[in-house]
């Protein structure tokens, strides 16, 4: 909202980091620290790459809200900058923050499960991705042991449908034009 050097620094950092493919970074880090990797380290690595798209989206939304008439009127009435941010912008940003958060969590979970499914996850901890990895290693599809891969895939589909429905609900809250008239 304020612009300036901090905004330029954040925008430049995000634009620079978005040029690097996140999956390549994740695979590189996971293969380098393969023996020492745990679920916590995996979550930190995935989260360190998941903040960039929501930051860019929220920044664009703030820049667009900054030009709205209610913000301009608050400025003309002498309302302080922090009051404008907390009273005018934040209530309108909360649905976008929630939708961005749900999208980032979905992408992070999918990246983590994908890395685990190709064998780059924590080896001694039971996770959904490692269950899929071991079902591939033991040829469970050929042996007819469908439950080794069926239940993890069902869980993943159920999780993502749930996250999508949460995101769609939050999007309807954010955009009243999307609400159905009963």
C-alpha atoms as a PDB file:
ATOM      1  CA  UNK A   1       0.000   0.000   0.000  1.00  0.00           C
ATOM      2  CA  UNK A   2       2.734   2.408   0.944  1.00  0.00           C
ATOM      3  CA  UNK A   3       5.028   1.560  -1.965  1.00  0.00           C
ATOM      4  CA  UNK A   4       8.609   2.688  -1.666  1.00  0.00           C
ATOM      5  CA  UNK A   5      11.785   0.709  -1.219  1.00  0.00           C
ATOM      6  CA  UNK A   6      10.268  -2.164   0.760  1.00  0.00           C
ATOM      7  CA  UNK A   7       7.651  -2.743  -1.938  1.00  0.00           C
ATOM      8  CA  UNK A   8      10.343  -2.628  -4.627  1.00  0.00           C
ATOM      9  CA  UNK A   9      12.511  -5.072  -2.664  1.00  0.00           C
ATOM     10  CA  UNK A  10       9.660  -7.532  -2.089  1.00  0.00           C
ATOM     11  CA  UNK A  11       8.488  -7.296  -5.709  1.00  0.00           C
ATOM     12  CA  UNK A  12      12.031  -7.813  -7.012  1.00  0.00           C
ATOM     13  CA  UNK A  13      12.619 -10.757  -4.682  1.00  0.00           C
ATOM     14  CA  UNK A  14       9.356 -12.426  -5.682  1.00  0.00           C
ATOM     15  CA  UNK A  15       9.951 -11.853  -9.403  1.00  0.00           C
ATOM     16  CA  UNK A  16      13.494 -13.206  -9.132  1.00  0.00           C
ATOM     17  CA  UNK A  17      12.465 -16.292  -7.169  1.00  0.00           C
ATOM     18  CA  UNK A  18       9.589 -17.022  -9.540  1.00  0.00           C
ATOM     19  CA  UNK A  19      12.070 -17.400 -12.403  1.00  0.00           C
ATOM     20  CA  UNK A  20      13.550 -20.453 -10.671  1.00  0.00           C
ATOM     21  CA  UNK A  21      11.426 -23.597 -11.133  1.00  0.00           C
ATOM     22  CA  UNK A  22      10.216 -24.602  -7.675  1.00  0.00           C
ATOM     23  CA  UNK A  23      10.054 -28.320  -8.440  1.00  0.00           C
ATOM     24  CA  UNK A  24      13.706 -28.380  -9.503  1.00  0.00           C
ATOM     25  CA  UNK A  25      14.688 -26.618  -6.272  1.00  0.00           C
ATOM     26  CA  UNK A  26      12.616 -29.063  -4.210  1.00  0.00           C
ATOM     27  CA  UNK A  27      14.106 -32.111  -5.920  1.00  0.00           C
ATOM     28  CA  UNK A  28      17.630 -30.711  -5.544  1.00  0.00           C
ATOM     29  CA  UNK A  29      17.246 -29.950  -1.842  1.00  0.00           C
ATOM     30  CA  UNK A  30      15.513 -33.261  -1.133  1.00  0.00           C
ATOM     31  CA  UNK A  31      18.240 -35.234  -2.894  1.00  0.00           C
ATOM     32  CA  UNK A  32      21.053 -33.301  -1.175  1.00  0.00           C
ATOM     33  CA  UNK A  33      19.735 -33.801   2.351  1.00  0.00           C
ATOM     34  CA  UNK A  34      18.141 -37.182   1.668  1.00  0.00           C
ATOM     35  CA  UNK A  35      19.400 -38.938   4.794  1.00  0.00           C
ATOM     36  CA  UNK A  36      18.573 -36.083   7.167  1.00  0.00           C
ATOM     37  CA  UNK A  37      15.161 -35.268   5.724  1.00  0.00           C
ATOM     38  CA  UNK A  38      12.133 -35.402   7.979  1.00  0.00           C
ATOM     39  CA  UNK A  39       8.531 -34.320   7.627  1.00  0.00           C
ATOM     40  CA  UNK A  40       9.323 -31.045   9.403  1.00  0.00           C
ATOM     41  CA  UNK A  41      12.264 -30.216   7.121  1.00  0.00           C
ATOM     42  CA  UNK A  42      10.197 -31.171   4.083  1.00  0.00           C
ATOM     43  CA  UNK A  43       7.398 -28.850   5.246  1.00  0.00           C
ATOM     44  CA  UNK A  44       9.851 -25.973   5.762  1.00  0.00           C
ATOM     45  CA  UNK A  45      11.396 -26.427   2.321  1.00  0.00           C
ATOM     46  CA  UNK A  46       8.008 -26.596   0.601  1.00  0.00           C
ATOM     47  CA  UNK A  47       6.679 -23.618   2.606  1.00  0.00           C
ATOM     48  CA  UNK A  48       9.739 -21.548   1.729  1.00  0.00           C
ATOM     49  CA  UNK A  49       8.699 -21.785  -1.925  1.00  0.00           C
ATOM     50  CA  UNK A  50       4.925 -21.467  -1.441  1.00  0.00           C
ATOM     51  CA  UNK A  51       4.715 -17.816  -0.345  1.00  0.00           C
ATOM     52  CA  UNK A  52       5.566 -16.130  -3.626  1.00  0.00           C
ATOM     53  CA  UNK A  53       2.329 -16.459  -5.638  1.00  0.00           C
ATOM     54  CA  UNK A  54       0.046 -15.349  -2.782  1.00  0.00           C
ATOM     55  CA  UNK A  55       2.356 -12.390  -2.142  1.00  0.00           C
ATOM     56  CA  UNK A  56       2.091 -11.313  -5.748  1.00  0.00           C
ATOM     57  CA  UNK A  57      -1.685 -11.778  -5.808  1.00  0.00           C
ATOM     58  CA  UNK A  58      -2.292  -9.878  -2.574  1.00  0.00           C
ATOM     59  CA  UNK A  59       0.028  -7.053  -3.662  1.00  0.00           C
ATOM     60  CA  UNK A  60      -1.914  -6.653  -6.909  1.00  0.00           C
ATOM     61  CA  UNK A  61      -5.179  -6.621  -4.983  1.00  0.00           C
ATOM     62  CA  UNK A  62      -3.892  -3.962  -2.567  1.00  0.00           C
ATOM     63  CA  UNK A  63      -2.692  -1.785  -5.447  1.00  0.00           C
ATOM     64  CA  UNK A  64      -6.115  -2.052  -7.057  1.00  0.00           C
ATOM     65  CA  UNK A  65      -7.956  -1.307  -3.779  1.00  0.00           C
ATOM     66  CA  UNK A  66      -5.721   1.679  -3.138  1.00  0.00           C
ATOM     67  CA  UNK A  67      -7.373   3.472  -6.057  1.00  0.00           C
ATOM     68  CA  UNK A  68     -10.966   2.805  -4.934  1.00  0.00           C
ATOM     69  CA  UNK A  69     -13.155   5.748  -4.044  1.00  0.00           C
ATOM     70  CA  UNK A  70     -13.683   4.756  -0.406  1.00  0.00           C
ATOM     71  CA  UNK A  71      -9.914   4.712   0.195  1.00  0.00           C
ATOM     72  CA  UNK A  72      -9.505   8.051  -1.572  1.00  0.00           C
ATOM     73  CA  UNK A  73     -12.336   9.526   0.515  1.00  0.00           C
ATOM     74  CA  UNK A  74     -10.723   8.260   3.711  1.00  0.00           C
ATOM     75  CA  UNK A  75      -7.471   9.962   2.678  1.00  0.00           C
ATOM     76  CA  UNK A  76      -9.291  13.204   1.927  1.00  0.00           C
ATOM     77  CA  UNK A  77     -11.008  13.064   5.325  1.00  0.00           C
ATOM     78  CA  UNK A  78      -7.629  12.905   7.047  1.00  0.00           C
ATOM     79  CA  UNK A  79      -7.742   9.272   8.174  1.00  0.00           C
ATOM     80  CA  UNK A  80      -4.279   8.010   9.074  1.00  0.00           C
ATOM     81  CA  UNK A  81      -2.570   5.501   6.794  1.00  0.00           C
ATOM     82  CA  UNK A  82      -2.606   2.631   9.300  1.00  0.00           C
ATOM     83  CA  UNK A  83      -6.297   3.177   9.977  1.00  0.00           C
ATOM     84  CA  UNK A  84      -6.994   2.985   6.247  1.00  0.00           C
ATOM     85  CA  UNK A  85      -5.024  -0.247   6.044  1.00  0.00           C
ATOM     86  CA  UNK A  86      -6.734  -1.884   9.038  1.00  0.00           C
ATOM     87  CA  UNK A  87     -10.271  -0.530   8.605  1.00  0.00           C
ATOM     88  CA  UNK A  88     -10.663  -0.305   4.847  1.00  0.00           C
ATOM     89  CA  UNK A  89      -8.210  -2.676   3.180  1.00  0.00           C
ATOM     90  CA  UNK A  90      -7.858  -5.616   5.599  1.00  0.00           C
ATOM     91  CA  UNK A  91     -11.576  -6.524   5.800  1.00  0.00           C
ATOM     92  CA  UNK A  92     -11.674  -6.610   2.002  1.00  0.00           C
ATOM     93  CA  UNK A  93      -8.408  -8.553   1.783  1.00  0.00           C
ATOM     94  CA  UNK A  94      -9.281 -11.311   4.259  1.00  0.00           C
ATOM     95  CA  UNK A  95     -11.252 -13.448   1.755  1.00  0.00           C
ATOM     96  CA  UNK A  96      -8.433 -13.125  -0.788  1.00  0.00           C
ATOM     97  CA  UNK A  97      -5.897 -14.047   1.878  1.00  0.00           C
ATOM     98  CA  UNK A  98      -7.949 -17.104   2.807  1.00  0.00           C
ATOM     99  CA  UNK A  99      -8.323 -18.250  -0.811  1.00  0.00           C
ATOM    100  CA  UNK A 100      -4.604 -17.695  -1.452  1.00  0.00           C
ATOM    101  CA  UNK A 101      -3.761 -19.610   1.719  1.00  0.00           C
ATOM    102  CA  UNK A 102      -5.924 -22.574   0.689  1.00  0.00           C
ATOM    103  CA  UNK A 103      -4.329 -22.586  -2.774  1.00  0.00           C
ATOM    104  CA  UNK A 104      -0.826 -22.444  -1.331  1.00  0.00           C
ATOM    105  CA  UNK A 105      -1.563 -25.234   1.126  1.00  0.00           C
ATOM    106  CA  UNK A 106      -2.921 -27.377  -1.723  1.00  0.00           C
ATOM    107  CA  UNK A 107       0.169 -26.790  -3.847  1.00  0.00           C
ATOM    108  CA  UNK A 108       2.486 -27.463  -0.909  1.00  0.00           C
ATOM    109  CA  UNK A 109       0.733 -30.723  -0.038  1.00  0.00           C
ATOM    110  CA  UNK A 110       0.828 -31.853  -3.656  1.00  0.00           C
ATOM    111  CA  UNK A 111       4.534 -31.009  -3.951  1.00  0.00           C
ATOM    112  CA  UNK A 112       5.312 -32.869  -0.733  1.00  0.00           C
ATOM    113  CA  UNK A 113       3.326 -35.949  -1.760  1.00  0.00           C
ATOM    114  CA  UNK A 114       4.938 -35.872  -5.206  1.00  0.00           C
ATOM    115  CA  UNK A 115       8.456 -35.772  -3.767  1.00  0.00           C
ATOM    116  CA  UNK A 116       7.644 -38.583  -1.367  1.00  0.00           C
ATOM    117  CA  UNK A 117       6.074 -40.668  -4.152  1.00  0.00           C
ATOM    118  CA  UNK A 118       9.306 -40.586  -6.159  1.00  0.00           C
ATOM    119  CA  UNK A 119      11.308 -41.606  -3.099  1.00  0.00           C
ATOM    120  CA  UNK A 120      12.704 -38.240  -2.012  1.00  0.00           C
ATOM    121  CA  UNK A 121      10.738 -37.995   1.210  1.00  0.00           C
ATOM    122  CA  UNK A 122      11.469 -39.150   4.744  1.00  0.00           C
ATOM    123  CA  UNK A 123      12.175 -42.874   4.481  1.00  0.00           C
ATOM    124  CA  UNK A 124      11.232 -43.972   7.990  1.00  0.00           C
ATOM    125  CA  UNK A 125       8.031 -42.004   8.481  1.00  0.00           C
ATOM    126  CA  UNK A 126       4.624 -43.184   7.279  1.00  0.00           C
ATOM    127  CA  UNK A 127       3.249 -40.586   4.892  1.00  0.00           C
ATOM    128  CA  UNK A 128       0.802 -40.740   2.016  1.00  0.00           C
ATOM    129  CA  UNK A 129       3.526 -40.173  -0.567  1.00  0.00           C
ATOM    130  CA  UNK A 130       5.769 -42.863   0.917  1.00  0.00           C
ATOM    131  CA  UNK A 131       2.835 -45.297   0.880  1.00  0.00           C
ATOM    132  CA  UNK A 132       2.480 -44.656  -2.846  1.00  0.00           C
ATOM    133  CA  UNK A 133       6.255 -45.018  -3.265  1.00  0.00           C
ATOM    134  CA  UNK A 134       6.293 -48.393  -1.513  1.00  0.00           C
ATOM    135  CA  UNK A 135       3.251 -49.591  -3.456  1.00  0.00           C
ATOM    136  CA  UNK A 136       5.198 -48.868  -6.645  1.00  0.00           C
ATOM    137  CA  UNK A 137       8.314 -50.609  -5.296  1.00  0.00           C
ATOM    138  CA  UNK A 138       6.367 -53.766  -4.365  1.00  0.00           C
ATOM    139  CA  UNK A 139       4.417 -53.831  -7.654  1.00  0.00           C
ATOM    140  CA  UNK A 140       1.130 -53.771  -5.784  1.00  0.00           C
ATOM    141  CA  UNK A 141      -0.828 -52.933  -8.931  1.00  0.00           C
ATOM    142  CA  UNK A 142       0.444 -56.043 -10.714  1.00  0.00           C
ATOM    143  CA  UNK A 143      -0.045 -58.221  -7.618  1.00  0.00           C
ATOM    144  CA  UNK A 144      -3.632 -57.058  -7.217  1.00  0.00           C
ATOM    145  CA  UNK A 145      -3.057 -55.268  -3.899  1.00  0.00           C
ATOM    146  CA  UNK A 146      -5.147 -52.255  -4.836  1.00  0.00           C
ATOM    147  CA  UNK A 147      -5.461 -50.975  -1.267  1.00  0.00           C
ATOM    148  CA  UNK A 148      -1.754 -50.024  -1.178  1.00  0.00           C
ATOM    149  CA  UNK A 149      -2.303 -47.291  -3.727  1.00  0.00           C
ATOM    150  CA  UNK A 150      -6.114 -47.003  -3.718  1.00  0.00           C
ATOM    151  CA  UNK A 151      -6.563 -45.605  -0.224  1.00  0.00           C
ATOM    152  CA  UNK A 152      -3.759 -43.017  -0.482  1.00  0.00           C
ATOM    153  CA  UNK A 153      -5.094 -41.801  -3.819  1.00  0.00           C
ATOM    154  CA  UNK A 154      -8.628 -41.668  -2.391  1.00  0.00           C
ATOM    155  CA  UNK A 155      -7.287 -39.642   0.546  1.00  0.00           C
ATOM    156  CA  UNK A 156      -5.491 -37.227  -1.799  1.00  0.00           C
ATOM    157  CA  UNK A 157      -8.590 -36.758  -3.971  1.00  0.00           C
ATOM    158  CA  UNK A 158     -10.799 -36.283  -0.884  1.00  0.00           C
ATOM    159  CA  UNK A 159      -8.355 -33.755   0.580  1.00  0.00           C
ATOM    160  CA  UNK A 160      -8.130 -31.710  -2.609  1.00  0.00           C
ATOM    161  CA  UNK A 161     -11.877 -31.737  -3.218  1.00  0.00           C
ATOM    162  CA  UNK A 162     -12.336 -30.525   0.372  1.00  0.00           C
ATOM    163  CA  UNK A 163      -9.760 -27.771  -0.087  1.00  0.00           C
ATOM    164  CA  UNK A 164     -11.359 -26.790  -3.402  1.00  0.00           C
ATOM    165  CA  UNK A 165     -14.792 -26.534  -1.787  1.00  0.00           C
ATOM    166  CA  UNK A 166     -13.356 -24.407   1.022  1.00  0.00           C
ATOM    167  CA  UNK A 167     -11.691 -22.189  -1.568  1.00  0.00           C
ATOM    168  CA  UNK A 168     -14.895 -21.916  -3.621  1.00  0.00           C
ATOM    169  CA  UNK A 169     -16.870 -20.973  -0.514  1.00  0.00           C
ATOM    170  CA  UNK A 170     -14.341 -18.340   0.439  1.00  0.00           C
ATOM    171  CA  UNK A 171     -14.370 -17.044  -3.124  1.00  0.00           C
ATOM    172  CA  UNK A 172     -18.150 -16.659  -2.966  1.00  0.00           C
ATOM    173  CA  UNK A 173     -17.739 -14.682   0.237  1.00  0.00           C
ATOM    174  CA  UNK A 174     -15.098 -12.505  -1.435  1.00  0.00           C
ATOM    175  CA  UNK A 175     -17.136 -11.961  -4.602  1.00  0.00           C
ATOM    176  CA  UNK A 176     -20.820 -11.448  -3.793  1.00  0.00           C
ATOM    177  CA  UNK A 177     -21.621 -11.503  -7.527  1.00  0.00           C
ATOM    178  CA  UNK A 178     -20.840 -15.247  -7.533  1.00  0.00           C
ATOM    179  CA  UNK A 179     -23.580 -16.019  -4.984  1.00  0.00           C
ATOM    180  CA  UNK A 180     -26.639 -17.775  -6.310  1.00  0.00           C
ATOM    181  CA  UNK A 181     -29.978 -16.144  -5.797  1.00  0.00           C
ATOM    182  CA  UNK A 182     -32.412 -18.649  -4.298  1.00  0.00           C
END
